[in-house]
Amino acid sequence: MIDAFLAHGTATPVHLGALLTDNPEFAMGHAARGLFSLMLGRAEMLPVAREAAATARHHADHTTISRREAAWVEALEAWLAGHPSGAIALMEEVLAANPADTLSAKVSHAIRFILGDAAGMRRSIERLLGAHDDSHACAGYALGCHAFALEEAGEYDAAEATGLRGLTLAPKDSWGLHAVTHVYDMTARADRGIALIEGHTGAWDHCNNFRYHVWWHKALLHMDRGELDVALGLYDAQIRADKTDDYRDISNATSLLVRLELEGIDVGPRWEELADLSQARTEDGCVVFADLHYMMALTGAQRPEAITGMTARFARDAARNGEMPQRYADPGVAALSGLNAFAEGRYDRAFADLSAARPAMQTIGGSHAQRDVFERLTIDAGLRAGRFDQTETILLDRLARRAGNADRFTTTRMDSISQARRIPAQ
């Protein structure tokens, strides 16, 4: 089960189910089921997680268990109580006692990813590297987590080297492969990224729906080479081959369609399928990152009633107390308003709202590459609104976070600003 979970393998729930069948009183196994359910970010998984928590608590109270096992049960209860950071703290307690525990490390890493805590991801995994030498069965997976944390910190050379070394130890580590792919995206080395993905199919063809995310990365790299038709082909053949409503799959799809439309591509009726699924999610309220991508689908297909419903629900969630409501309040409300304004052609308002949301967008979770769709929308709204000086500032900040590596988007938008000012492009 541990190996499958670390590898994002399709067999994870099968192994966990077999484990609990053989060991029905194993409290940590039930806690794992609950935590994994919450990571899906879907409202219908909350009852599953609550049932798992109740079962885990019952067995924790009626059997003798280790502190590690008890901490997992408490972590699930903390997250269900609205404190995912409390779940992280409990995982870190476990890791302080046993830094070789890669499973707990991956759970801490995953929850931090959902909360946008990139700095915490790096601190956490770097405390554990000494206990993950090459003799450790899961050393490659630990290096994959370290590579991703380094990439999100802008340490691109170190991330590339760490991720590639991790793949030699754990050839099935799709997370590590994808960390290096992020490096090539952020440093505008599309050829290297495409070659990496095509040359390491064993790292991701065994995956659960995470393999669609790898295809998404490949599509972005093709876009950077100007191969927009290839990206759209990957959308149909791979990224939306299965019409799931998993929020990660919806985010892959919606953000790619937005990127393509910003480049002038007519994506046809593809928004309708995504909007049908997203319309059923307007009341979810589990993850801001997910809801904003649902909103992209609703605006893309022009679903006014659902848009109004989502907007009202964001306002309600923003008025509540808690870690997620805080994210709905800022940046959620402003970002949602900006998406709606952009879709309606109110570009000045879109630029103002998206710019207001921008400083806190890290907290919605996801990666720099995933959140870049909001950067692109902000920049294009600014261009269409004639806010050239402010837009240029954002472009230059985006470029700096990419270590000065200009991708196709940067080049074309800088050219647009120069043309608008009637100054020859430098």
Protein backbone atom coordinates (compact mmCIF):
# COMPACT_ATOMS: atom_id res chain seq x y z
CA MET A 1 0.00 0.00 0.00
CA ILE A 2 2.81 2.39 0.89
CA ASP A 3 4.63 1.78 -2.38
CA ALA A 4 1.45 2.30 -4.41
CA PHE A 5 0.53 5.48 -2.54
CA LEU A 6 3.98 6.99 -2.96
CA ALA A 7 3.88 6.16 -6.67
CA HIS A 8 0.33 7.55 -7.16
CA GLY A 9 -0.59 4.05 -8.29
CA THR A 10 -4.04 2.83 -9.23
CA ALA A 11 -3.62 -0.08 -6.82
CA THR A 12 -3.54 2.10 -3.67
CA PRO A 13 -7.22 1.63 -2.68
CA VAL A 14 -7.06 -2.06 -3.61
CA HIS A 15 -4.12 -2.67 -1.27
CA LEU A 16 -5.67 -0.55 1.49
CA GLY A 17 -8.94 -2.44 1.18
CA ALA A 18 -7.14 -5.78 1.42
CA LEU A 19 -5.19 -4.53 4.43
CA LEU A 20 -8.36 -3.54 6.27
CA THR A 21 -10.08 -6.79 5.34
CA ASP A 22 -7.23 -8.72 6.91
CA ASN A 23 -6.84 -6.28 9.83
CA PRO A 24 -10.27 -4.74 10.51
CA GLU A 25 -9.17 -3.30 13.87
CA PHE A 26 -6.17 -1.45 12.43
CA ALA A 27 -6.95 2.15 13.41
CA MET A 28 -4.20 3.68 11.29
CA GLY A 29 -5.53 1.92 8.19
CA HIS A 30 -8.97 3.44 8.73
CA ALA A 31 -7.35 6.84 9.36
CA ALA A 32 -5.47 6.48 6.08
CA ARG A 33 -8.73 5.80 4.29
CA GLY A 34 -10.18 8.98 5.77
CA LEU A 35 -7.15 11.15 5.01
CA PHE A 36 -6.92 9.87 1.44
CA SER A 37 -10.63 10.65 1.00
CA LEU A 38 -10.14 14.24 2.16
CA MET A 39 -7.27 14.68 -0.27
CA LEU A 40 -9.75 14.15 -3.11
CA GLY A 41 -11.34 17.54 -2.33
CA ARG A 42 -14.90 16.40 -3.03
CA ALA A 43 -17.93 17.07 -0.86
CA GLU A 44 -19.29 13.54 -1.18
CA MET A 45 -16.08 12.18 0.34
CA LEU A 46 -16.69 14.00 3.64
CA PRO A 47 -19.16 11.35 4.92
CA VAL A 48 -16.66 8.65 3.93
CA ALA A 49 -13.92 10.43 5.87
CA ARG A 50 -16.19 10.93 8.89
CA GLU A 51 -17.16 7.25 8.90
CA ALA A 52 -13.49 6.26 8.64
CA ALA A 53 -12.66 8.62 11.51
CA ALA A 54 -15.36 7.12 13.72
CA THR A 55 -14.15 3.60 12.99
CA ALA A 56 -10.53 4.59 13.56
CA ARG A 57 -11.40 6.28 16.85
CA HIS A 58 -13.36 3.24 18.05
CA HIS A 59 -10.45 0.91 17.42
CA ALA A 60 -7.95 3.41 18.84
CA ASP A 61 -9.93 3.53 22.07
CA HIS A 62 -10.38 -0.24 22.36
CA THR A 63 -7.00 -1.61 21.30
CA THR A 64 -3.39 -0.92 22.20
CA ILE A 65 -1.84 1.23 19.50
CA SER A 66 1.43 3.06 18.91
CA ARG A 67 1.81 6.82 19.15
CA ARG A 68 2.32 6.90 15.37
CA GLU A 69 -1.00 5.18 14.83
CA ALA A 70 -2.77 7.45 17.32
CA ALA A 71 -1.34 10.54 15.61
CA TRP A 72 -2.79 9.46 12.28
CA VAL A 73 -6.23 9.11 13.86
CA GLU A 74 -5.89 12.55 15.47
CA ALA A 75 -4.68 14.04 12.18
CA LEU A 76 -7.84 12.88 10.43
CA GLU A 77 -9.97 14.32 13.22
CA ALA A 78 -8.11 17.64 13.06
CA TRP A 79 -8.66 17.99 9.31
CA LEU A 80 -12.35 17.11 9.65
CA ALA A 81 -12.61 19.81 12.34
CA GLY A 82 -11.40 22.36 9.78
CA HIS A 83 -7.72 22.40 10.77
CA PRO A 84 -5.64 20.75 8.05
CA SER A 85 -2.60 22.53 9.49
CA GLY A 86 -3.25 20.55 12.67
CA ALA A 87 -3.06 17.36 10.64
CA ILE A 88 0.31 18.52 9.31
CA ALA A 89 1.56 19.21 12.85
CA LEU A 90 0.64 15.68 13.91
CA MET A 91 2.44 14.18 10.91
CA GLU A 92 5.49 16.24 11.81
CA GLU A 93 5.30 14.89 15.37
CA VAL A 94 5.43 11.37 13.93
CA LEU A 95 8.37 12.32 11.72
CA ALA A 96 10.31 13.87 14.59
CA ALA A 97 10.22 10.47 16.28
CA ASN A 98 10.89 8.51 13.09
CA PRO A 99 12.33 10.53 10.19
CA ALA A 100 12.53 7.36 8.08
CA ASP A 101 8.70 7.22 7.88
CA THR A 102 8.23 8.10 4.19
CA LEU A 103 4.48 7.49 4.27
CA SER A 104 3.89 10.14 6.94
CA ALA A 105 6.30 12.43 5.09
CA LYS A 106 4.27 12.10 1.89
CA VAL A 107 1.02 12.84 3.72
CA SER A 108 2.52 15.98 5.29
CA HIS A 109 3.83 16.97 1.83
CA ALA A 110 0.42 16.39 0.22
CA ILE A 111 -1.57 18.42 2.74
CA ARG A 112 0.96 21.26 2.55
CA PHE A 113 0.55 21.17 -1.23
CA ILE A 114 -3.21 21.63 -0.85
CA LEU A 115 -2.60 24.59 1.47
CA GLY A 116 0.04 26.15 -0.78
CA ASP A 117 2.75 25.79 1.86
CA ALA A 118 5.75 25.37 -0.45
CA ALA A 119 8.25 26.57 2.15
CA GLY A 120 6.87 24.08 4.66
CA MET A 121 7.18 21.26 2.13
CA ARG A 122 10.87 22.02 1.78
CA ARG A 123 11.53 22.33 5.51
CA SER A 124 9.72 19.09 6.21
CA ILE A 125 11.45 16.91 3.63
CA GLU A 126 14.91 18.34 4.28
CA ARG A 127 14.66 17.31 7.93
CA LEU A 128 14.23 13.71 6.77
CA LEU A 129 16.85 13.30 4.06
CA GLY A 130 19.48 12.03 6.48
CA ALA A 131 17.24 9.08 7.28
CA HIS A 132 16.67 8.32 3.57
CA ASP A 133 20.03 7.19 2.23
CA ASP A 134 20.21 4.94 -0.82
CA SER A 135 19.62 1.83 1.30
CA HIS A 136 16.15 3.07 2.31
CA ALA A 137 13.46 1.34 0.27
CA CYS A 138 11.64 4.64 -0.33
CA ALA A 139 14.64 6.94 -0.78
CA GLY A 140 13.74 7.77 -4.38
CA TYR A 141 10.27 8.94 -3.38
CA ALA A 142 11.74 11.18 -0.69
CA LEU A 143 14.05 12.71 -3.30
CA GLY A 144 11.03 13.26 -5.56
CA CYS A 145 9.33 15.27 -2.82
CA HIS A 146 12.54 17.22 -2.24
CA ALA A 147 12.85 17.92 -5.97
CA PHE A 148 9.35 19.35 -6.12
CA ALA A 149 9.90 21.51 -3.04
CA LEU A 150 13.17 22.82 -4.52
CA GLU A 151 11.46 23.61 -7.82
CA GLU A 152 8.70 25.56 -6.12
CA ALA A 153 11.42 27.50 -4.25
CA GLY A 154 13.06 28.44 -7.55
CA GLU A 155 16.12 26.24 -6.96
CA TYR A 156 15.90 24.86 -10.47
CA ASP A 157 19.35 23.31 -10.91
CA ALA A 158 19.17 21.52 -7.58
CA ALA A 159 15.61 20.37 -8.27
CA GLU A 160 16.59 18.91 -11.63
CA ALA A 161 19.57 17.02 -10.23
CA THR A 162 17.63 15.76 -7.21
CA GLY A 163 14.64 14.66 -9.24
CA LEU A 164 16.70 12.78 -11.82
CA ARG A 165 18.67 11.03 -9.07
CA GLY A 166 15.41 10.08 -7.37
CA LEU A 167 14.15 8.48 -10.57
CA THR A 168 17.16 6.18 -10.65
CA LEU A 169 16.17 4.90 -7.19
CA ALA A 170 12.39 4.92 -7.73
CA PRO A 171 11.65 4.54 -11.48
CA LYS A 172 7.90 4.52 -10.72
CA ASP A 173 7.96 7.92 -9.00
CA SER A 174 5.60 10.02 -11.08
CA TRP A 175 5.82 12.88 -8.55
CA GLY A 176 9.58 13.09 -8.98
CA LEU A 177 9.28 12.90 -12.77
CA HIS A 178 6.72 15.67 -12.69
CA ALA A 179 8.96 17.77 -10.43
CA VAL A 180 11.68 17.76 -13.09
CA THR A 181 9.07 18.49 -15.75
CA HIS A 182 8.14 21.57 -13.71
CA VAL A 183 11.79 22.65 -13.84
CA TYR A 184 11.81 22.47 -17.63
CA ASP A 185 8.52 24.39 -17.80
CA MET A 186 9.76 27.15 -15.50
CA THR A 187 13.08 27.44 -17.31
CA ALA A 188 11.59 27.40 -20.84
CA ARG A 189 13.28 24.17 -21.87
CA ALA A 190 10.32 22.54 -23.59
CA ASP A 191 12.40 20.09 -25.61
CA ARG A 192 13.99 18.67 -22.46
CA GLY A 193 10.63 18.35 -20.75
CA ILE A 194 8.99 16.52 -23.62
CA ALA A 195 11.96 14.16 -23.95
CA LEU A 196 11.87 13.45 -20.21
CA ILE A 197 8.19 12.51 -20.27
CA GLU A 198 8.49 10.40 -23.41
CA GLY A 199 11.61 8.66 -22.10
CA HIS A 200 10.22 7.73 -18.68
CA THR A 201 6.76 6.30 -19.38
CA GLY A 202 7.36 3.74 -16.61
CA ALA A 203 7.17 6.57 -14.09
CA TRP A 204 3.59 7.46 -14.93
CA ASP A 205 1.77 4.93 -17.12
CA HIS A 206 0.92 2.90 -13.98
CA CYS A 207 -0.65 5.94 -12.30
CA ASN A 208 -4.14 6.76 -11.21
CA ASN A 209 -5.54 9.96 -12.73
CA PHE A 210 -2.21 11.64 -12.02
CA ARG A 211 -1.17 10.39 -15.46
CA TYR A 212 -3.59 12.93 -16.98
CA HIS A 213 -1.64 15.63 -15.17
CA VAL A 214 1.58 14.39 -16.77
CA TRP A 215 -0.13 14.60 -20.19
CA TRP A 216 -1.21 18.13 -19.23
CA HIS A 217 2.40 19.07 -18.57
CA LYS A 218 3.34 17.67 -21.96
CA ALA A 219 0.63 19.79 -23.59
CA LEU A 220 1.98 22.93 -21.90
CA LEU A 221 5.47 22.18 -23.18
CA HIS A 222 4.15 21.77 -26.71
CA MET A 223 2.35 25.10 -26.35
CA ASP A 224 5.62 26.73 -25.42
CA ARG A 225 7.04 25.42 -28.71
CA GLY A 226 4.10 26.99 -30.54
CA GLU A 227 2.53 23.58 -31.26
CA LEU A 228 -0.98 24.54 -30.22
CA ASP A 229 -2.59 21.88 -32.39
CA VAL A 230 -0.58 19.19 -30.60
CA ALA A 231 -1.72 20.51 -27.23
CA LEU A 232 -5.36 20.42 -28.31
CA GLY A 233 -4.87 16.91 -29.66
CA LEU A 234 -3.49 15.78 -26.31
CA TYR A 235 -6.53 17.30 -24.63
CA ASP A 236 -8.87 15.06 -26.62
CA ALA A 237 -6.75 11.92 -26.77
CA GLN A 238 -5.35 11.85 -23.24
CA ILE A 239 -6.20 14.65 -20.82
CA ARG A 240 -9.97 14.20 -21.20
CA ALA A 241 -9.92 10.63 -22.46
CA ASP A 242 -11.97 9.78 -19.36
CA LYS A 243 -14.67 12.32 -18.57
CA THR A 244 -14.13 12.28 -14.80
CA ASP A 245 -15.25 14.97 -12.37
CA ASP A 246 -12.16 14.71 -10.17
CA TYR A 247 -11.17 18.30 -9.49
CA ARG A 248 -7.58 17.67 -10.52
CA ASP A 249 -8.76 16.42 -13.90
CA ILE A 250 -11.13 19.37 -14.26
CA SER A 251 -8.31 21.77 -13.40
CA ASN A 252 -6.05 20.19 -16.02
CA ALA A 253 -8.74 20.54 -18.65
CA THR A 254 -10.09 24.00 -17.86
CA SER A 255 -6.68 25.63 -17.45
CA LEU A 256 -5.47 24.16 -20.75
CA LEU A 257 -8.55 25.38 -22.61
CA VAL A 258 -8.11 28.87 -21.11
CA ARG A 259 -4.47 28.93 -22.20
CA LEU A 260 -5.44 27.85 -25.72
CA GLU A 261 -8.18 30.45 -25.98
CA LEU A 262 -5.77 33.17 -24.86
CA GLU A 263 -3.63 32.13 -27.84
CA GLY A 264 -6.59 32.54 -30.19
CA ILE A 265 -7.58 28.88 -30.52
CA ASP A 266 -11.28 28.08 -30.91
CA VAL A 267 -11.84 25.14 -28.55
CA GLY A 268 -15.34 24.51 -29.88
CA PRO A 269 -17.89 22.74 -27.66
CA ARG A 270 -15.35 21.32 -25.21
CA TRP A 271 -16.48 23.70 -22.44
CA GLU A 272 -19.95 22.15 -22.30
CA GLU A 273 -18.84 18.80 -20.91
CA LEU A 274 -16.71 20.47 -18.25
CA ALA A 275 -19.47 22.91 -17.33
CA ASP A 276 -21.99 20.11 -16.88
CA LEU A 277 -19.72 18.51 -14.31
CA SER A 278 -18.71 21.79 -12.68
CA GLN A 279 -22.31 22.97 -12.34
CA ALA A 280 -22.89 20.07 -9.96
CA ARG A 281 -19.98 21.33 -7.83
CA THR A 282 -21.08 24.90 -7.11
CA GLU A 283 -21.79 24.02 -3.46
CA ASP A 284 -18.72 21.84 -2.84
CA GLY A 285 -16.56 24.38 -1.01
CA CYS A 286 -13.76 21.96 -0.21
CA VAL A 287 -10.75 23.53 -1.97
CA VAL A 288 -10.52 27.07 -3.38
CA PHE A 289 -8.20 25.87 -6.14
CA ALA A 290 -10.86 23.40 -7.30
CA ASP A 291 -13.72 25.89 -7.16
CA LEU A 292 -11.86 28.49 -9.23
CA HIS A 293 -11.32 25.92 -11.96
CA TYR A 294 -14.99 24.95 -11.83
CA MET A 295 -15.69 28.64 -12.35
CA MET A 296 -13.49 28.64 -15.46
CA ALA A 297 -15.70 25.93 -16.93
CA LEU A 298 -18.91 27.77 -16.01
CA THR A 299 -17.69 31.02 -17.58
CA GLY A 300 -16.30 29.18 -20.60
CA ALA A 301 -19.72 27.65 -21.30
CA GLN A 302 -21.62 30.78 -20.16
CA ARG A 303 -23.76 29.29 -17.38
CA PRO A 304 -25.11 32.45 -15.67
CA GLU A 305 -27.25 30.75 -12.99
CA ALA A 306 -24.40 28.50 -11.89
CA ILE A 307 -22.00 31.45 -11.91
CA THR A 308 -24.36 33.39 -9.67
CA GLY A 309 -24.69 30.41 -7.35
CA MET A 310 -20.93 29.93 -7.12
CA THR A 311 -20.42 33.64 -6.42
CA ALA A 312 -22.98 33.59 -3.62
CA ARG A 313 -21.46 30.48 -2.08
CA PHE A 314 -17.97 32.02 -2.12
CA ALA A 315 -19.37 35.01 -0.22
CA ARG A 316 -20.96 32.71 2.38
CA ASP A 317 -17.79 30.67 2.84
CA ALA A 318 -15.67 33.81 3.09
CA ALA A 319 -17.75 34.98 6.05
CA ARG A 320 -17.08 31.82 8.06
CA ASN A 321 -14.15 31.11 10.38
CA GLY A 322 -11.45 28.59 9.63
CA GLU A 323 -8.44 27.85 7.48
CA MET A 324 -10.30 27.24 4.23
CA PRO A 325 -12.82 30.08 4.71
CA GLN A 326 -9.86 32.42 5.13
CA ARG A 327 -8.71 31.38 1.67
CA TYR A 328 -12.17 31.94 0.22
CA ALA A 329 -12.09 35.46 1.66
CA ASP A 330 -8.63 36.18 0.25
CA PRO A 331 -7.85 35.53 -2.53
CA GLY A 332 -10.93 33.50 -3.47
CA VAL A 333 -13.62 36.19 -3.74
CA ALA A 334 -11.45 38.58 -5.79
CA ALA A 335 -10.12 35.82 -8.05
CA LEU A 336 -13.63 34.51 -8.74
CA SER A 337 -14.86 38.01 -9.56
CA GLY A 338 -11.89 38.47 -11.88
CA LEU A 339 -12.64 35.28 -13.79
CA ASN A 340 -16.24 36.33 -14.28
CA ALA A 341 -15.27 39.85 -15.38
CA PHE A 342 -12.75 38.50 -17.90
CA ALA A 343 -15.34 36.16 -19.42
CA GLU A 344 -17.76 39.09 -19.78
CA GLY A 345 -15.14 41.27 -21.47
CA ARG A 346 -14.87 43.69 -18.54
CA TYR A 347 -11.10 43.66 -18.74
CA ASP A 348 -10.34 46.64 -16.53
CA ARG A 349 -12.38 45.12 -13.71
CA ALA A 350 -10.84 41.70 -14.38
CA PHE A 351 -7.35 43.17 -14.15
CA ALA A 352 -8.18 44.99 -10.91
CA ASP A 353 -9.71 41.90 -9.27
CA LEU A 354 -7.08 39.41 -10.43
CA SER A 355 -4.31 41.81 -9.41
CA ALA A 356 -5.89 42.17 -5.96
CA ALA A 357 -6.01 38.38 -5.59
CA ARG A 358 -2.48 37.88 -6.87
CA PRO A 359 -0.45 38.37 -3.64
CA ALA A 360 -2.31 35.55 -1.85
CA MET A 361 -2.79 33.12 -4.75
CA GLN A 362 -0.06 30.84 -3.38
CA THR A 363 -2.43 29.91 -0.53
CA ILE A 364 -5.01 28.28 -2.80
CA GLY A 365 -2.57 25.40 -3.31
CA GLY A 366 -1.29 23.83 -6.46
CA SER A 367 2.02 24.63 -8.13
CA HIS A 368 3.48 27.68 -9.84
CA ALA A 369 2.72 26.01 -13.18
CA GLN A 370 -0.91 25.38 -12.25
CA ARG A 371 -1.48 28.88 -10.88
CA ASP A 372 0.17 30.38 -13.95
CA VAL A 373 -3.20 30.33 -15.70
CA PHE A 374 -4.29 33.11 -13.33
CA GLU A 375 -1.09 35.02 -14.13
CA ARG A 376 -1.83 34.73 -17.84
CA LEU A 377 -5.40 35.91 -17.40
CA THR A 378 -4.23 38.85 -15.29
CA ILE A 379 -1.65 39.85 -17.90
CA ASP A 380 -4.02 39.51 -20.84
CA ALA A 381 -6.72 41.44 -18.98
CA GLY A 382 -4.20 44.21 -18.40
CA LEU A 383 -3.21 44.26 -22.07
CA ARG A 384 -6.84 44.41 -23.21
CA ALA A 385 -7.57 47.14 -20.66
CA GLY A 386 -4.61 49.21 -21.80
CA ARG A 387 -2.83 48.95 -18.43
CA PHE A 388 0.56 48.52 -20.08
CA ASP A 389 2.86 49.76 -17.32
CA GLN A 390 1.19 47.67 -14.61
CA THR A 391 1.01 44.66 -16.88
CA GLU A 392 4.68 44.94 -17.73
CA THR A 393 5.50 44.94 -14.02
CA ILE A 394 3.61 41.67 -13.55
CA LEU A 395 5.28 40.18 -16.62
CA LEU A 396 8.71 41.07 -15.28
CA ASP A 397 7.85 39.60 -11.87
CA ARG A 398 6.67 36.40 -13.57
CA LEU A 399 9.92 36.33 -15.56
CA ALA A 400 12.00 36.78 -12.40
CA ARG A 401 10.28 33.81 -10.77
CA ARG A 402 11.34 31.83 -13.82
CA ALA A 403 14.96 32.79 -13.23
CA GLY A 404 14.88 35.14 -16.20
CA ASN A 405 13.98 32.41 -18.69
CA ALA A 406 11.52 33.90 -21.18
CA ASP A 407 8.92 31.45 -22.43
CA ARG A 408 6.75 31.97 -25.48
CA PHE A 409 4.04 33.67 -23.43
CA THR A 410 6.48 36.23 -22.03
CA THR A 411 7.94 37.00 -25.44
CA THR A 412 4.61 37.46 -27.20
CA ARG A 413 3.15 39.63 -24.44
CA MET A 414 6.23 41.84 -24.23
CA ASP A 415 5.97 42.26 -27.98
CA SER A 416 2.32 43.25 -27.59
CA ILE A 417 3.24 45.92 -25.05
CA SER A 418 5.98 47.26 -27.29
CA GLN A 419 3.65 47.39 -30.28
CA ALA A 420 0.99 49.13 -28.22
CA ARG A 421 3.51 51.75 -27.20
CA ARG A 422 4.81 51.89 -30.77
CA ILE A 423 8.31 51.17 -29.51
CA PRO A 424 10.37 48.52 -31.36
CA ALA A 425 10.68 45.34 -29.36
CA GLN A 426 14.05 44.99 -27.67
